[in-house]
Amino acid sequence: KDLAPWEQYFKLNAHFARLGHFVHTVAWEADGRRVLAVVPHPHRVDMQVLARAVQRPVSTIKLRKLKDIATESKFPVFVCPPFGHPADASGRQPVLLVDSSVTEFKKPLLFDCGSVGLSIPVSEFLRSTGAACVEGLAQAPKLGAIQQDGAKKVEGPDKGAGQGPPSTRPSTP
């Protein structure tokens, strides 16, 4: 049986994946302000919590396009680390939010940055980035109908690029 894409990725990168907790960064724009949300894989961003954290209505928060991120940041397409993004037209750095559950992790955070994997201890990540911890920012993926390829489909307003595939939450050793 064929493995889902993320499961193939983890199988191929087991040497790295066992060293910590994969997290992904999802890029948003809220009324012109760029927002980066870091959540543990395979969780998704809870839009209600994100809206409260940036003090904007959910309707004003949009997922940023991969092409736009690549053009502005000079990162390869599909690469969105939580640092190194340029300031916006008003000179503001993106707001960086992280799900507070990462503070419970004993192993480092793992970021896939294309051809490089970064392993960063949680305390160092928080210290060096100044990220704001937000309780409940991450939510478990909602499993829905089975797609034709046999993979489970994610339903709800949070589906989209950068939200990652559904599976189970990584355990905290």
Protein backbone atom coordinates (compact mmCIF):
# COMPACT_ATOMS: atom_id res chain seq x y z
CA LYS A 1 0.00 0.00 0.00
CA ASP A 2 1.26 3.46 -0.89
CA LEU A 3 2.04 5.76 2.01
CA ALA A 4 0.56 9.26 2.21
CA PRO A 5 3.07 11.97 1.15
CA TRP A 6 3.91 13.06 4.71
CA GLU A 7 4.36 9.46 5.81
CA GLN A 8 6.77 8.92 2.88
CA TYR A 9 8.64 12.06 3.94
CA PHE A 10 8.95 10.86 7.54
CA LYS A 11 10.10 7.42 6.41
CA LEU A 12 12.80 8.93 4.18
CA ASN A 13 13.88 11.40 6.87
CA ALA A 14 13.61 9.15 9.92
CA HIS A 15 17.24 9.91 10.83
CA PHE A 16 16.23 13.55 11.37
CA ALA A 17 12.59 13.17 12.46
CA ARG A 18 13.47 11.09 15.53
CA LEU A 19 15.60 13.92 16.93
CA GLY A 20 12.73 16.22 17.86
CA HIS A 21 9.29 17.55 17.01
CA PHE A 22 8.41 18.69 13.52
CA VAL A 23 6.66 22.04 13.45
CA HIS A 24 5.47 24.03 10.49
CA THR A 25 5.12 27.73 9.93
CA VAL A 26 1.96 29.00 8.28
CA ALA A 27 2.03 32.48 6.75
CA TRP A 28 -1.03 34.73 7.02
CA GLU A 29 -1.95 38.31 6.30
CA ALA A 30 -4.35 40.16 8.61
CA ASP A 31 -5.45 43.59 7.41
CA GLY A 32 -2.08 44.13 5.73
CA ARG A 33 -0.05 42.82 8.67
CA ARG A 34 1.98 39.66 8.08
CA VAL A 35 1.60 36.93 10.66
CA LEU A 36 3.59 33.71 11.01
CA ALA A 37 2.03 30.93 13.08
CA VAL A 38 4.18 27.99 14.22
CA VAL A 39 2.28 24.83 15.13
CA PRO A 40 3.35 21.23 15.77
CA HIS A 41 2.91 18.85 12.86
CA PRO A 42 0.27 17.67 11.94
CA HIS A 43 -1.84 20.29 13.69
CA ARG A 44 -3.51 23.18 11.96
CA VAL A 45 -3.96 26.80 12.97
CA ASP A 46 -7.18 27.51 14.87
CA MET A 47 -8.52 30.56 13.05
CA GLN A 48 -10.58 31.82 16.01
CA VAL A 49 -7.54 31.75 18.28
CA LEU A 50 -5.36 33.37 15.60
CA ALA A 51 -7.93 36.15 15.14
CA ARG A 52 -8.01 36.84 18.89
CA ALA A 53 -4.20 36.86 19.06
CA VAL A 54 -3.85 39.45 16.28
CA GLN A 55 -7.01 41.31 17.34
CA ARG A 56 -8.61 41.14 13.90
CA PRO A 57 -11.81 39.51 12.63
CA VAL A 58 -11.38 36.05 11.08
CA SER A 59 -12.77 37.42 7.82
CA THR A 60 -9.74 39.74 7.44
CA ILE A 61 -7.15 36.95 7.83
CA LYS A 62 -5.97 35.35 4.61
CA LEU A 63 -3.50 32.56 3.94
CA ARG A 64 -0.53 33.97 2.03
CA LYS A 65 0.26 32.54 -1.39
CA LEU A 66 3.33 30.36 -1.72
CA LYS A 67 4.49 32.26 -4.80
CA ASP A 68 4.29 35.61 -2.97
CA ILE A 69 6.24 34.27 0.00
CA ALA A 70 8.95 32.86 -2.30
CA THR A 71 9.19 36.11 -4.30
CA GLU A 72 9.48 38.34 -1.22
CA SER A 73 11.61 36.13 1.01
CA LYS A 74 13.81 34.52 -1.67
CA PHE A 75 13.15 31.18 0.06
CA PRO A 76 12.37 28.25 -2.25
CA VAL A 77 8.68 27.53 -2.83
CA PHE A 78 7.20 25.49 0.05
CA VAL A 79 9.88 26.76 2.46
CA CYS A 80 8.57 29.06 5.19
CA PRO A 81 10.83 29.19 8.24
CA PRO A 82 9.72 31.39 11.15
CA PHE A 83 12.62 33.82 10.69
CA GLY A 84 14.40 35.67 7.91
CA HIS A 85 11.30 37.26 6.38
CA PRO A 86 11.66 40.82 5.11
CA ALA A 87 9.79 43.73 6.67
CA ASP A 88 6.55 44.77 5.00
CA ALA A 89 6.06 48.02 3.06
CA SER A 90 5.58 49.86 6.37
CA GLY A 91 8.87 48.51 7.74
CA ARG A 92 7.21 46.07 10.18
CA GLN A 93 8.55 42.60 10.83
CA PRO A 94 5.95 39.79 10.73
CA VAL A 95 4.14 38.99 13.96
CA LEU A 96 5.45 35.61 15.13
CA LEU A 97 3.12 33.38 17.12
CA VAL A 98 3.75 29.85 18.37
CA ASP A 99 1.41 27.34 19.94
CA SER A 100 2.16 27.20 23.66
CA SER A 101 2.24 23.38 23.65
CA VAL A 102 5.80 23.54 22.31
CA THR A 103 6.97 24.70 25.75
CA GLU A 104 6.25 21.17 27.00
CA PHE A 105 8.50 19.49 24.43
CA LYS A 106 11.66 17.91 25.81
CA LYS A 107 13.24 17.48 22.37
CA PRO A 108 14.06 20.38 20.01
CA LEU A 109 11.81 21.86 17.36
CA LEU A 110 12.53 20.62 13.84
CA PHE A 111 12.07 22.92 10.84
CA ASP A 112 12.29 21.66 7.26
CA CYS A 113 13.95 24.47 5.34
CA GLY A 114 14.19 22.80 1.95
CA SER A 115 17.67 21.35 1.59
CA VAL A 116 18.46 21.98 5.26
CA GLY A 117 16.76 20.75 8.41
CA LEU A 118 17.07 22.94 11.50
CA SER A 119 16.95 21.60 15.03
CA ILE A 120 16.40 24.33 17.63
CA PRO A 121 15.81 23.88 21.36
CA VAL A 122 12.45 25.38 22.35
CA SER A 123 13.98 27.84 24.82
CA GLU A 124 16.46 29.09 22.20
CA PHE A 125 13.72 29.43 19.59
CA LEU A 126 11.61 31.55 21.94
CA ARG A 127 14.59 33.63 23.10
CA SER A 128 16.04 34.32 19.67
CA THR A 129 12.80 35.01 17.81
CA GLY A 130 10.73 36.73 20.49
CA ALA A 131 7.76 34.62 19.40
CA ALA A 132 4.60 35.06 21.43
CA CYS A 133 3.18 31.82 22.87
CA VAL A 134 -0.54 31.47 22.23
CA GLU A 135 -2.53 28.79 24.01
CA GLY A 136 -4.72 26.77 21.67
CA LEU A 137 -3.23 28.19 18.45
CA ALA A 138 -2.84 24.62 17.17
CA GLN A 139 -5.80 22.35 16.68
CA ALA A 140 -5.89 18.71 15.71
CA PRO A 141 -6.77 18.17 12.05
CA LYS A 142 -10.40 17.39 11.36
CA LEU A 143 -10.64 14.13 9.52
CA GLY A 144 -13.41 13.99 6.99
CA ALA A 145 -14.36 12.11 3.89
CA ILE A 146 -12.00 9.75 2.12
CA GLN A 147 -10.63 11.20 -1.11
CA GLN A 148 -10.29 9.12 -4.26
CA ASP A 149 -6.59 8.49 -3.59
CA GLY A 150 -7.48 6.97 -0.22
CA ALA A 151 -6.05 9.83 1.84
CA LYS A 152 -8.25 11.46 4.43
CA LYS A 153 -9.52 14.90 3.50
CA VAL A 154 -9.36 17.84 5.89
CA GLU A 155 -12.52 19.87 6.12
CA GLY A 156 -13.14 23.34 7.46
CA PRO A 157 -12.01 26.94 6.90
CA ASP A 158 -8.41 26.20 7.86
CA LYS A 159 -7.63 23.87 4.97
CA GLY A 160 -5.10 25.29 2.58
CA ALA A 161 -1.47 25.63 1.60
CA GLY A 162 0.94 25.41 4.46
CA GLN A 163 -1.50 23.69 6.79
CA GLY A 164 0.12 20.26 6.38
CA PRO A 165 -1.47 16.85 5.93
CA PRO A 166 -3.66 15.08 8.49
CA SER A 167 -2.27 12.36 10.76
CA THR A 168 -1.72 12.08 14.50
CA ARG A 169 -0.07 14.50 16.92
CA PRO A 170 3.57 13.75 17.74
CA SER A 171 4.04 12.48 21.23
CA THR A 172 6.06 14.34 23.83
CA PRO A 173 8.67 12.01 25.35
